[in-house]
């Protein structure tokens, strides 16, 4: 069992930065691919970024060049650094874990992730 707790969301102006954190419990963090998804009002949950066990990364096109995903295996934490935020980035951001993943696998589909956090709200004003 893996429990995920997100933090770091908030209300910011366009052009600002935020860093989201996701703290994971359990011993499987080091074997897990991790990801961030987001869900805006009245929209489906969409992929944002993922990171493999070996720290290979993948990003959705709308966030490439602005967002950076990273992980600290010693702290069982994954981060999402978000720069140059836009109003379109407004959403609830969810952390997800896929334990026992292949070292270089960077899953981008919701159904590849078994564990989810409760989400943290990010609101970007214009």
Protein backbone atom coordinates (compact mmCIF):
# COMPACT_ATOMS: atom_id res chain seq x y z
CA UNK A 1 0.00 0.00 0.00
CA UNK A 2 1.25 3.47 -0.90
CA UNK A 3 -0.14 6.70 0.50
CA UNK A 4 0.51 9.98 -1.29
CA UNK A 5 0.11 13.46 0.19
CA UNK A 6 0.40 16.53 -2.02
CA UNK A 7 1.24 20.04 -0.86
CA UNK A 8 2.35 23.38 -2.25
CA UNK A 9 -0.72 24.52 -4.15
CA UNK A 10 -2.14 28.01 -3.88
CA UNK A 11 -3.38 31.15 -5.59
CA UNK A 12 -0.80 33.00 -7.71
CA UNK A 13 -0.70 35.52 -10.52
CA UNK A 14 0.11 34.64 -14.10
CA UNK A 15 3.86 34.45 -14.66
CA UNK A 16 4.55 33.26 -11.12
CA UNK A 17 6.08 29.99 -9.94
CA UNK A 18 5.00 27.25 -7.55
CA UNK A 19 6.58 24.02 -6.43
CA UNK A 20 4.33 21.10 -5.61
CA UNK A 21 5.50 18.27 -3.38
CA UNK A 22 4.19 14.73 -3.03
CA UNK A 23 5.29 12.74 -0.01
CA UNK A 24 4.95 8.97 -0.32
CA UNK A 25 4.69 6.43 2.45
CA UNK A 26 5.80 2.82 2.20
CA UNK A 27 8.93 1.08 0.98
CA UNK A 28 8.03 0.91 -2.68
CA UNK A 29 8.80 4.52 -3.63
CA UNK A 30 12.19 3.61 -5.03
CA UNK A 31 10.63 1.08 -7.41
CA UNK A 32 7.80 3.33 -8.53
CA UNK A 33 7.31 5.54 -11.53
CA UNK A 34 5.70 8.75 -10.32
CA UNK A 35 3.55 11.30 -12.08
CA UNK A 36 1.50 14.44 -11.82
CA UNK A 37 -1.93 14.77 -13.38
CA UNK A 38 -4.36 17.67 -13.21
CA UNK A 39 -8.06 18.21 -13.50
CA UNK A 40 -9.62 21.55 -14.33
CA UNK A 41 -13.30 22.28 -13.63
CA UNK A 42 -15.62 20.32 -15.92
CA UNK A 43 -12.68 18.62 -17.63
CA UNK A 44 -11.14 15.19 -17.42
CA UNK A 45 -7.98 14.36 -15.54
CA UNK A 46 -4.99 14.90 -17.81
CA UNK A 47 -1.36 13.92 -17.75
CA UNK A 48 1.17 16.59 -16.79
CA UNK A 49 4.53 14.90 -16.19
CA UNK A 50 6.06 11.62 -15.12
CA UNK A 51 9.41 10.38 -13.88
CA UNK A 52 10.82 6.86 -13.95
CA UNK A 53 12.78 5.01 -11.31
CA UNK A 54 15.94 6.12 -13.08
CA UNK A 55 14.69 9.73 -13.34
CA UNK A 56 13.83 9.65 -17.03
CA UNK A 57 11.04 12.17 -17.58
CA UNK A 58 8.09 12.88 -19.86
CA UNK A 59 5.93 15.98 -20.17
CA UNK A 60 2.64 16.97 -21.70
CA UNK A 61 3.06 19.45 -24.54
CA UNK A 62 1.31 22.37 -22.77
CA UNK A 63 3.84 22.33 -19.91
CA UNK A 64 7.08 21.51 -21.73
CA UNK A 65 9.75 24.07 -20.99
CA UNK A 66 7.81 25.48 -18.03
CA UNK A 67 7.38 22.55 -15.62
CA UNK A 68 10.04 20.25 -14.21
CA UNK A 69 9.41 16.98 -12.40
CA UNK A 70 12.02 15.56 -10.04
CA UNK A 71 12.30 13.02 -7.27
CA UNK A 72 14.26 12.53 -4.06
CA UNK A 73 14.33 8.82 -3.27
CA UNK A 74 15.98 9.42 0.10
CA UNK A 75 13.01 11.59 1.12
CA UNK A 76 10.33 9.54 -0.71
CA UNK A 77 9.19 12.73 -2.38
CA UNK A 78 8.42 13.83 -5.91
CA UNK A 79 8.29 17.47 -6.93
CA UNK A 80 6.74 19.53 -9.68
CA UNK A 81 8.39 22.90 -10.25
CA UNK A 82 5.98 25.10 -12.19
CA UNK A 83 7.27 28.29 -13.77
CA UNK A 84 5.63 30.90 -15.98
CA UNK A 85 2.22 29.83 -14.79
CA UNK A 86 -0.81 30.63 -16.93
CA UNK A 87 -4.52 30.82 -16.10
CA UNK A 88 -4.96 27.63 -18.14
CA UNK A 89 -2.82 25.84 -15.55
CA UNK A 90 -5.59 26.30 -12.98
CA UNK A 91 -6.61 22.85 -11.77
CA UNK A 92 -6.43 20.35 -8.96
CA UNK A 93 -3.06 18.63 -9.25
CA UNK A 94 -2.79 14.96 -8.33
CA UNK A 95 0.26 12.86 -7.58
CA UNK A 96 0.24 9.23 -8.73
CA UNK A 97 2.45 6.19 -8.21
CA UNK A 98 3.05 3.06 -10.25
CA UNK A 99 5.07 0.65 -8.05
CA UNK A 100 7.34 -2.03 -9.43
CA UNK A 101 7.87 -0.15 -12.69
CA UNK A 102 10.64 -0.87 -15.14
CA UNK A 103 13.63 1.45 -14.52
CA UNK A 104 13.18 3.60 -17.62
CA UNK A 105 9.40 3.47 -17.95
CA UNK A 106 7.64 6.84 -17.83
CA UNK A 107 3.93 6.00 -17.95
CA UNK A 108 1.62 8.74 -19.21
CA UNK A 109 -1.76 7.06 -18.94
CA UNK A 110 -4.04 7.27 -15.91
CA UNK A 111 -4.71 3.54 -15.91
CA UNK A 112 -1.01 2.79 -15.47
CA UNK A 113 -1.04 4.31 -11.98
CA UNK A 114 -2.39 2.36 -9.03
CA UNK A 115 -2.15 4.94 -6.26
CA UNK A 116 -3.35 8.53 -6.10
CA UNK A 117 -3.18 11.43 -3.70
CA UNK A 118 -6.08 13.66 -2.71
CA UNK A 119 -4.93 16.57 -4.83
CA UNK A 120 -3.83 20.14 -4.26
CA UNK A 121 -5.51 23.19 -5.80
CA UNK A 122 -3.53 25.51 -8.05
CA UNK A 123 -5.25 28.71 -9.13
CA UNK A 124 -3.57 31.16 -11.50
CA UNK A 125 -5.16 34.57 -11.89
CA UNK A 126 -4.71 36.74 -14.97
